[in-house]
C-alpha atoms as a PDB file:
ATOM      1  CA  UNK A   1     -24.550  -5.115  87.609  1.00  0.00           C
ATOM      2  CA  UNK A   2     -22.892  -6.140  84.373  1.00  0.00           C
ATOM      3  CA  UNK A   3     -22.713  -3.661  81.521  1.00  0.00           C
ATOM      4  CA  UNK A   4     -23.733  -5.603  78.416  1.00  0.00           C
ATOM      5  CA  UNK A   5     -22.399  -3.394  75.650  1.00  0.00           C
ATOM      6  CA  UNK A   6     -19.084  -2.604  74.033  1.00  0.00           C
ATOM      7  CA  UNK A   7     -18.480   0.643  75.939  1.00  0.00           C
ATOM      8  CA  UNK A   8     -16.611  -1.053  78.760  1.00  0.00           C
ATOM      9  CA  UNK A   9     -13.521   1.151  78.891  1.00  0.00           C
ATOM     10  CA  UNK A  10     -12.975   3.567  81.750  1.00  0.00           C
ATOM     11  CA  UNK A  11     -14.371   6.409  79.657  1.00  0.00           C
ATOM     12  CA  UNK A  12     -17.375   4.303  78.734  1.00  0.00           C
ATOM     13  CA  UNK A  13     -18.088   3.685  82.391  1.00  0.00           C
ATOM     14  CA  UNK A  14     -17.908   7.368  83.222  1.00  0.00           C
ATOM     15  CA  UNK A  15     -20.236   8.165  80.308  1.00  0.00           C
ATOM     16  CA  UNK A  16     -22.924   5.837  81.562  1.00  0.00           C
ATOM     17  CA  UNK A  17     -22.473   7.110  85.090  1.00  0.00           C
ATOM     18  CA  UNK A  18     -22.477  10.830  84.387  1.00  0.00           C
ATOM     19  CA  UNK A  19     -25.175  10.967  81.766  1.00  0.00           C
ATOM     20  CA  UNK A  20     -27.555   9.462  84.295  1.00  0.00           C
ATOM     21  CA  UNK A  21     -26.150  11.346  87.247  1.00  0.00           C
ATOM     22  CA  UNK A  22     -28.440  13.765  89.078  1.00  0.00           C
ATOM     23  CA  UNK A  23     -25.541  15.558  90.702  1.00  0.00           C
ATOM     24  CA  UNK A  24     -23.424  16.619  87.775  1.00  0.00           C
ATOM     25  CA  UNK A  25     -23.111  19.220  85.127  1.00  0.00           C
ATOM     26  CA  UNK A  26     -22.054  18.702  81.561  1.00  0.00           C
ATOM     27  CA  UNK A  27     -19.497  20.298  79.348  1.00  0.00           C
ATOM     28  CA  UNK A  28     -18.152  20.796  75.897  1.00  0.00           C
ATOM     29  CA  UNK A  29     -14.680  19.858  74.740  1.00  0.00           C
ATOM     30  CA  UNK A  30     -13.195  20.830  71.418  1.00  0.00           C
ATOM     31  CA  UNK A  31     -11.670  17.594  70.140  1.00  0.00           C
ATOM     32  CA  UNK A  32      -8.928  19.452  68.310  1.00  0.00           C
ATOM     33  CA  UNK A  33      -7.709  21.891  70.933  1.00  0.00           C
ATOM     34  CA  UNK A  34      -8.716  19.830  73.988  1.00  0.00           C
ATOM     35  CA  UNK A  35      -9.853  23.037  75.697  1.00  0.00           C
ATOM     36  CA  UNK A  36     -12.940  22.900  77.860  1.00  0.00           C
ATOM     37  CA  UNK A  37     -15.561  25.432  76.802  1.00  0.00           C
ATOM     38  CA  UNK A  38     -17.441  26.410  79.941  1.00  0.00           C
ATOM     39  CA  UNK A  39     -18.501  30.078  79.646  1.00  0.00           C
ATOM     40  CA  UNK A  40     -21.425  29.614  82.060  1.00  0.00           C
ATOM     41  CA  UNK A  41     -19.342  28.095  84.862  1.00  0.00           C
ATOM     42  CA  UNK A  42     -20.597  30.367  87.713  1.00  0.00           C
ATOM     43  CA  UNK A  43     -24.227  29.441  87.015  1.00  0.00           C
ATOM     44  CA  UNK A  44     -23.339  25.838  86.260  1.00  0.00           C
ATOM     45  CA  UNK A  45     -21.614  25.463  89.621  1.00  0.00           C
ATOM     46  CA  UNK A  46     -24.708  26.741  91.432  1.00  0.00           C
ATOM     47  CA  UNK A  47     -26.944  24.249  89.654  1.00  0.00           C
ATOM     48  CA  UNK A  48     -24.392  21.499  90.297  1.00  0.00           C
ATOM     49  CA  UNK A  49     -24.383  22.308  94.010  1.00  0.00           C
ATOM     50  CA  UNK A  50     -28.182  22.322  94.157  1.00  0.00           C
ATOM     51  CA  UNK A  51     -28.381  18.995  92.356  1.00  0.00           C
ATOM     52  CA  UNK A  52     -25.878  17.540  94.819  1.00  0.00           C
ATOM     53  CA  UNK A  53     -27.946  18.646  97.812  1.00  0.00           C
ATOM     54  CA  UNK A  54     -31.096  17.137  96.318  1.00  0.00           C
ATOM     55  CA  UNK A  55     -29.282  13.913  95.553  1.00  0.00           C
ATOM     56  CA  UNK A  56     -27.751  13.535  98.995  1.00  0.00           C
ATOM     57  CA  UNK A  57     -30.818  14.493 100.995  1.00  0.00           C
ATOM     58  CA  UNK A  58     -33.699  13.170  98.920  1.00  0.00           C
ATOM     59  CA  UNK A  59     -32.773  10.834  96.091  1.00  0.00           C
ATOM     60  CA  UNK A  60     -30.171   8.650  97.817  1.00  0.00           C
ATOM     61  CA  UNK A  61     -32.316   7.990 100.914  1.00  0.00           C
ATOM     62  CA  UNK A  62     -35.249   6.942  98.705  1.00  0.00           C
ATOM     63  CA  UNK A  63     -33.003   4.657  96.672  1.00  0.00           C
ATOM     64  CA  UNK A  64     -31.622   3.036  99.828  1.00  0.00           C
ATOM     65  CA  UNK A  65     -35.147   2.247 101.030  1.00  0.00           C
ATOM     66  CA  UNK A  66     -35.970   0.782  97.613  1.00  0.00           C
ATOM     67  CA  UNK A  67     -32.840  -1.389  97.675  1.00  0.00           C
ATOM     68  CA  UNK A  68     -33.617  -2.642 101.168  1.00  0.00           C
ATOM     69  CA  UNK A  69     -37.202  -3.600 100.322  1.00  0.00           C
ATOM     70  CA  UNK A  70     -37.025  -4.869  96.727  1.00  0.00           C
ATOM     71  CA  UNK A  71     -35.591  -8.352  96.064  1.00  0.00           C
ATOM     72  CA  UNK A  72     -32.724  -8.448  93.585  1.00  0.00           C
ATOM     73  CA  UNK A  73     -34.935 -10.183  91.020  1.00  0.00           C
ATOM     74  CA  UNK A  74     -37.334  -7.227  91.133  1.00  0.00           C
ATOM     75  CA  UNK A  75     -34.498  -4.723  90.771  1.00  0.00           C
ATOM     76  CA  UNK A  76     -33.146  -6.653  87.788  1.00  0.00           C
ATOM     77  CA  UNK A  77     -36.598  -6.863  86.205  1.00  0.00           C
ATOM     78  CA  UNK A  78     -37.206  -3.136  86.590  1.00  0.00           C
ATOM     79  CA  UNK A  79     -33.789  -2.357  85.101  1.00  0.00           C
ATOM     80  CA  UNK A  80     -34.438  -4.639  82.123  1.00  0.00           C
ATOM     81  CA  UNK A  81     -37.914  -3.176  81.580  1.00  0.00           C
ATOM     82  CA  UNK A  82     -36.641   0.381  81.214  1.00  0.00           C
ATOM     83  CA  UNK A  83     -33.657  -0.834  79.205  1.00  0.00           C
ATOM     84  CA  UNK A  84     -36.061  -2.422  76.740  1.00  0.00           C
ATOM     85  CA  UNK A  85     -38.008   0.838  76.403  1.00  0.00           C
ATOM     86  CA  UNK A  86     -34.790   2.740  75.707  1.00  0.00           C
ATOM     87  CA  UNK A  87     -34.043   0.472  72.740  1.00  0.00           C
ATOM     88  CA  UNK A  88     -36.813   2.303  70.846  1.00  0.00           C
ATOM     89  CA  UNK A  89     -34.746   5.506  70.950  1.00  0.00           C
ATOM     90  CA  UNK A  90     -31.545   3.606  70.248  1.00  0.00           C
ATOM     91  CA  UNK A  91     -33.092   2.133  67.100  1.00  0.00           C
ATOM     92  CA  UNK A  92     -34.269   5.557  65.923  1.00  0.00           C
ATOM     93  CA  UNK A  93     -30.831   7.113  66.384  1.00  0.00           C
ATOM     94  CA  UNK A  94     -28.956   4.205  64.832  1.00  0.00           C
ATOM     95  CA  UNK A  95     -31.209   4.653  61.782  1.00  0.00           C
ATOM     96  CA  UNK A  96     -30.229   8.323  61.613  1.00  0.00           C
ATOM     97  CA  UNK A  97     -26.579   7.293  61.974  1.00  0.00           C
ATOM     98  CA  UNK A  98     -26.950   4.804  59.082  1.00  0.00           C
ATOM     99  CA  UNK A  99     -25.580   2.088  61.363  1.00  0.00           C
ATOM    100  CA  UNK A 100     -27.187  -0.946  59.736  1.00  0.00           C
ATOM    101  CA  UNK A 101     -25.614  -3.516  62.073  1.00  0.00           C
ATOM    102  CA  UNK A 102     -26.851  -1.750  65.184  1.00  0.00           C
ATOM    103  CA  UNK A 103     -30.298  -1.216  63.630  1.00  0.00           C
ATOM    104  CA  UNK A 104     -30.622  -4.960  63.166  1.00  0.00           C
ATOM    105  CA  UNK A 105     -29.492  -5.671  66.721  1.00  0.00           C
ATOM    106  CA  UNK A 106     -31.828  -3.044  68.199  1.00  0.00           C
ATOM    107  CA  UNK A 107     -34.730  -4.528  66.244  1.00  0.00           C
ATOM    108  CA  UNK A 108     -33.868  -8.048  67.390  1.00  0.00           C
ATOM    109  CA  UNK A 109     -33.632  -6.891  71.007  1.00  0.00           C
ATOM    110  CA  UNK A 110     -37.027  -5.201  70.875  1.00  0.00           C
ATOM    111  CA  UNK A 111     -38.731  -8.182  69.251  1.00  0.00           C
ATOM    112  CA  UNK A 112     -37.180 -10.768  71.542  1.00  0.00           C
ATOM    113  CA  UNK A 113     -37.381  -8.920  74.844  1.00  0.00           C
ATOM    114  CA  UNK A 114     -40.882  -7.556  74.254  1.00  0.00           C
ATOM    115  CA  UNK A 115     -42.218 -11.070  73.640  1.00  0.00           C
ATOM    116  CA  UNK A 116     -40.401 -13.990  75.213  1.00  0.00           C
ATOM    117  CA  UNK A 117     -38.632 -11.522  77.503  1.00  0.00           C
ATOM    118  CA  UNK A 118     -41.973 -10.811  79.213  1.00  0.00           C
ATOM    119  CA  UNK A 119     -42.382  -7.206  78.062  1.00  0.00           C
ATOM    120  CA  UNK A 120     -38.709  -6.547  78.685  1.00  0.00           C
ATOM    121  CA  UNK A 121     -38.474  -7.721  82.290  1.00  0.00           C
ATOM    122  CA  UNK A 122     -35.976 -10.379  81.165  1.00  0.00           C
ATOM    123  CA  UNK A 123     -33.097  -9.510  78.836  1.00  0.00           C
ATOM    124  CA  UNK A 124     -33.310 -12.676  76.756  1.00  0.00           C
ATOM    125  CA  UNK A 125     -31.727 -10.946  73.765  1.00  0.00           C
ATOM    126  CA  UNK A 126     -28.443 -10.544  75.629  1.00  0.00           C
ATOM    127  CA  UNK A 127     -28.350 -14.294  76.194  1.00  0.00           C
ATOM    128  CA  UNK A 128     -28.530 -14.669  72.414  1.00  0.00           C
ATOM    129  CA  UNK A 129     -25.589 -12.291  71.981  1.00  0.00           C
ATOM    130  CA  UNK A 130     -27.624  -9.204  71.093  1.00  0.00           C
ATOM    131  CA  UNK A 131     -26.154  -6.657  73.506  1.00  0.00           C
ATOM    132  CA  UNK A 132     -27.405  -3.141  73.948  1.00  0.00           C
ATOM    133  CA  UNK A 133     -25.377  -0.179  72.727  1.00  0.00           C
ATOM    134  CA  UNK A 134     -26.678   3.112  74.035  1.00  0.00           C
ATOM    135  CA  UNK A 135     -26.895   6.163  71.819  1.00  0.00           C
ATOM    136  CA  UNK A 136     -28.895   9.391  71.714  1.00  0.00           C
ATOM    137  CA  UNK A 137     -29.696  12.287  69.421  1.00  0.00           C
ATOM    138  CA  UNK A 138     -26.837  14.367  70.843  1.00  0.00           C
ATOM    139  CA  UNK A 139     -24.514  11.578  69.710  1.00  0.00           C
ATOM    140  CA  UNK A 140     -26.235  11.559  66.316  1.00  0.00           C
ATOM    141  CA  UNK A 141     -25.802  15.310  65.917  1.00  0.00           C
ATOM    142  CA  UNK A 142     -22.125  14.956  66.828  1.00  0.00           C
ATOM    143  CA  UNK A 143     -21.662  12.344  64.109  1.00  0.00           C
ATOM    144  CA  UNK A 144     -23.311  14.772  61.700  1.00  0.00           C
ATOM    145  CA  UNK A 145     -20.659  17.345  62.551  1.00  0.00           C
ATOM    146  CA  UNK A 146     -22.603  19.539  64.982  1.00  0.00           C
ATOM    147  CA  UNK A 147     -20.256  20.935  67.647  1.00  0.00           C
ATOM    148  CA  UNK A 148     -21.116  20.312  71.281  1.00  0.00           C
ATOM    149  CA  UNK A 149     -21.378  23.978  72.236  1.00  0.00           C
ATOM    150  CA  UNK A 150     -20.903  25.308  75.761  1.00  0.00           C
ATOM    151  CA  UNK A 151     -21.037  23.290  78.903  1.00  0.00           C
ATOM    152  CA  UNK A 152     -24.447  23.326  80.582  1.00  0.00           C
ATOM    153  CA  UNK A 153     -25.651  21.942  83.920  1.00  0.00           C
ATOM    154  CA  UNK A 154     -29.301  20.928  83.719  1.00  0.00           C
ATOM    155  CA  UNK A 155     -31.354  21.037  86.942  1.00  0.00           C
ATOM    156  CA  UNK A 156     -32.038  17.460  88.085  1.00  0.00           C
ATOM    157  CA  UNK A 157     -31.393  16.081  84.584  1.00  0.00           C
ATOM    158  CA  UNK A 158     -27.637  16.125  84.994  1.00  0.00           C
ATOM    159  CA  UNK A 159     -24.880  16.441  82.393  1.00  0.00           C
ATOM    160  CA  UNK A 160     -25.420  17.764  78.898  1.00  0.00           C
ATOM    161  CA  UNK A 161     -23.842  20.106  76.428  1.00  0.00           C
ATOM    162  CA  UNK A 162     -25.936  22.638  74.554  1.00  0.00           C
ATOM    163  CA  UNK A 163     -26.058  20.169  71.662  1.00  0.00           C
ATOM    164  CA  UNK A 164     -26.858  17.182  73.862  1.00  0.00           C
ATOM    165  CA  UNK A 165     -29.467  19.125  75.804  1.00  0.00           C
ATOM    166  CA  UNK A 166     -31.279  19.984  72.587  1.00  0.00           C
ATOM    167  CA  UNK A 167     -31.003  16.334  71.599  1.00  0.00           C
ATOM    168  CA  UNK A 168     -32.803  15.300  74.792  1.00  0.00           C
ATOM    169  CA  UNK A 169     -35.949  17.026  73.519  1.00  0.00           C
ATOM    170  CA  UNK A 170     -36.166  14.752  70.491  1.00  0.00           C
ATOM    171  CA  UNK A 171     -35.095  11.695  72.487  1.00  0.00           C
ATOM    172  CA  UNK A 172     -38.010  12.332  74.848  1.00  0.00           C
ATOM    173  CA  UNK A 173     -40.412  12.091  71.909  1.00  0.00           C
ATOM    174  CA  UNK A 174     -39.347   8.483  71.410  1.00  0.00           C
ATOM    175  CA  UNK A 175     -39.787   7.456  75.023  1.00  0.00           C
ATOM    176  CA  UNK A 176     -42.746   5.018  75.096  1.00  0.00           C
ATOM    177  CA  UNK A 177     -43.619   6.256  78.588  1.00  0.00           C
ATOM    178  CA  UNK A 178     -44.941   9.464  77.005  1.00  0.00           C
ATOM    179  CA  UNK A 179     -47.846   7.478  75.562  1.00  0.00           C
ATOM    180  CA  UNK A 180     -48.756   5.808  78.842  1.00  0.00           C
ATOM    181  CA  UNK A 181     -52.177   6.622  80.223  1.00  0.00           C
ATOM    182  CA  UNK A 182     -53.294   7.721  82.799  1.00  0.00           C
ATOM    183  CA  UNK A 183     -50.825  10.545  83.358  1.00  0.00           C
ATOM    184  CA  UNK A 184     -50.590   9.825  87.097  1.00  0.00           C
ATOM    185  CA  UNK A 185     -49.247   6.351  86.365  1.00  0.00           C
ATOM    186  CA  UNK A 186     -46.907   7.860  83.791  1.00  0.00           C
ATOM    187  CA  UNK A 187     -45.417  10.091  86.474  1.00  0.00           C
ATOM    188  CA  UNK A 188     -44.908   7.102  88.775  1.00  0.00           C
ATOM    189  CA  UNK A 189     -43.100   5.206  86.025  1.00  0.00           C
ATOM    190  CA  UNK A 190     -40.816   8.165  85.359  1.00  0.00           C
ATOM    191  CA  UNK A 191     -40.049   8.327  89.068  1.00  0.00           C
ATOM    192  CA  UNK A 192     -39.275   4.604  89.153  1.00  0.00           C
ATOM    193  CA  UNK A 193     -37.030   4.985  86.122  1.00  0.00           C
ATOM    194  CA  UNK A 194     -35.113   7.834  87.761  1.00  0.00           C
ATOM    195  CA  UNK A 195     -34.709   5.768  90.917  1.00  0.00           C
ATOM    196  CA  UNK A 196     -33.460   2.776  88.920  1.00  0.00           C
ATOM    197  CA  UNK A 197     -30.882   4.958  87.150  1.00  0.00           C
ATOM    198  CA  UNK A 198     -29.656   6.357  90.463  1.00  0.00           C
ATOM    199  CA  UNK A 199     -29.510   2.875  91.985  1.00  0.00           C
ATOM    200  CA  UNK A 200     -27.237   1.659  89.182  1.00  0.00           C
ATOM    201  CA  UNK A 201     -24.861   4.560  89.712  1.00  0.00           C
ATOM    202  CA  UNK A 202     -24.279   3.545  93.320  1.00  0.00           C
ATOM    203  CA  UNK A 203     -21.909   5.325  95.680  1.00  0.00           C
ATOM    204  CA  UNK A 204     -19.621   7.270  93.375  1.00  0.00           C
ATOM    205  CA  UNK A 205     -18.083   9.597  95.991  1.00  0.00           C
ATOM    206  CA  UNK A 206     -14.834   7.625  96.038  1.00  0.00           C
ATOM    207  CA  UNK A 207     -14.217   8.593  92.404  1.00  0.00           C
ATOM    208  CA  UNK A 208     -14.365  12.314  93.083  1.00  0.00           C
ATOM    209  CA  UNK A 209     -11.410  14.605  93.619  1.00  0.00           C
ATOM    210  CA  UNK A 210     -11.412  17.871  95.584  1.00  0.00           C
ATOM    211  CA  UNK A 211     -13.287  19.750  92.886  1.00  0.00           C
ATOM    212  CA  UNK A 212     -16.083  17.368  91.938  1.00  0.00           C
ATOM    213  CA  UNK A 213     -17.475  19.846  89.428  1.00  0.00           C
ATOM    214  CA  UNK A 214     -14.287  19.849  87.319  1.00  0.00           C
ATOM    215  CA  UNK A 215     -13.687  16.132  87.691  1.00  0.00           C
ATOM    216  CA  UNK A 216     -17.181  15.147  86.591  1.00  0.00           C
ATOM    217  CA  UNK A 217     -17.186  17.696  83.792  1.00  0.00           C
ATOM    218  CA  UNK A 218     -13.915  16.471  82.280  1.00  0.00           C
ATOM    219  CA  UNK A 219     -14.910  12.817  82.620  1.00  0.00           C
ATOM    220  CA  UNK A 220     -18.193  13.438  80.848  1.00  0.00           C
ATOM    221  CA  UNK A 221     -16.635  15.528  78.086  1.00  0.00           C
ATOM    222  CA  UNK A 222     -13.860  13.072  77.386  1.00  0.00           C
ATOM    223  CA  UNK A 223     -16.306  10.219  77.050  1.00  0.00           C
ATOM    224  CA  UNK A 224     -18.674  12.110  74.760  1.00  0.00           C
ATOM    225  CA  UNK A 225     -15.764  13.093  72.511  1.00  0.00           C
ATOM    226  CA  UNK A 226     -14.576   9.476  72.497  1.00  0.00           C
ATOM    227  CA  UNK A 227     -18.065   8.250  71.635  1.00  0.00           C
ATOM    228  CA  UNK A 228     -18.174  10.451  68.541  1.00  0.00           C
ATOM    229  CA  UNK A 229     -14.561  10.258  67.364  1.00  0.00           C
ATOM    230  CA  UNK A 230     -13.843   6.703  68.565  1.00  0.00           C
ATOM    231  CA  UNK A 231     -10.383   7.719  69.700  1.00  0.00           C
ATOM    232  CA  UNK A 232      -9.440   8.334  73.341  1.00  0.00           C
ATOM    233  CA  UNK A 233      -8.386  11.868  74.122  1.00  0.00           C
ATOM    234  CA  UNK A 234      -5.422  12.857  76.222  1.00  0.00           C
ATOM    235  CA  UNK A 235      -6.193  12.138  79.885  1.00  0.00           C
ATOM    236  CA  UNK A 236      -6.686  15.445  81.664  1.00  0.00           C
ATOM    237  CA  UNK A 237      -7.212  14.047  85.156  1.00  0.00           C
ATOM    238  CA  UNK A 238      -3.501  14.269  85.919  1.00  0.00           C
ATOM    239  CA  UNK A 239      -3.856  18.040  86.022  1.00  0.00           C
ATOM    240  CA  UNK A 240      -5.883  17.920  89.255  1.00  0.00           C
END
């Protein structure tokens, strides 16, 4: 899978991986002091462990069956379809961020991929040079000066800070799947989307150190701070 946006640094990769990850927690990092704020660590670790068990014993086996049965063209089409839906939220947040350039690109992507891209199953816009740049309301709040708050592990949903978790509520309002009817089909689409996200993550175990909770937390926090401040923070992985 090629990542068609400008977040292709190591931290950008970890952001994409951990935000989608079903087996992680999330954290908050003060960009000035570089001190991790994790007051709920005992509870967070329990949720992290539960998410890991669910991922290893339920989600990964389902994803492996999907990969073995679905042709690569189907996998690519499904990925592009959900990517096209996510551009609705990206456009909304880029408007709130007053990012005119990205607003124009998001609009072009939606128009092109929703039409000649066959409802988003083909990412034609990328071929024209209109690459996706992911954003969310947690990112928007950060740009507005809202601090990330304490680290929080969300059951099944994965990494988020208190700020980013609150942002997910508004982001969900702009997910076109919410308007899909009937509800039973809506649930199936959400399940397919979750499976597609997990498929893209792949086998990440080789990236983990002895304490996966700390490693994933610091990777996520560093990337989120970088996303907002656009300046890489001091690498803390050498401490482990």
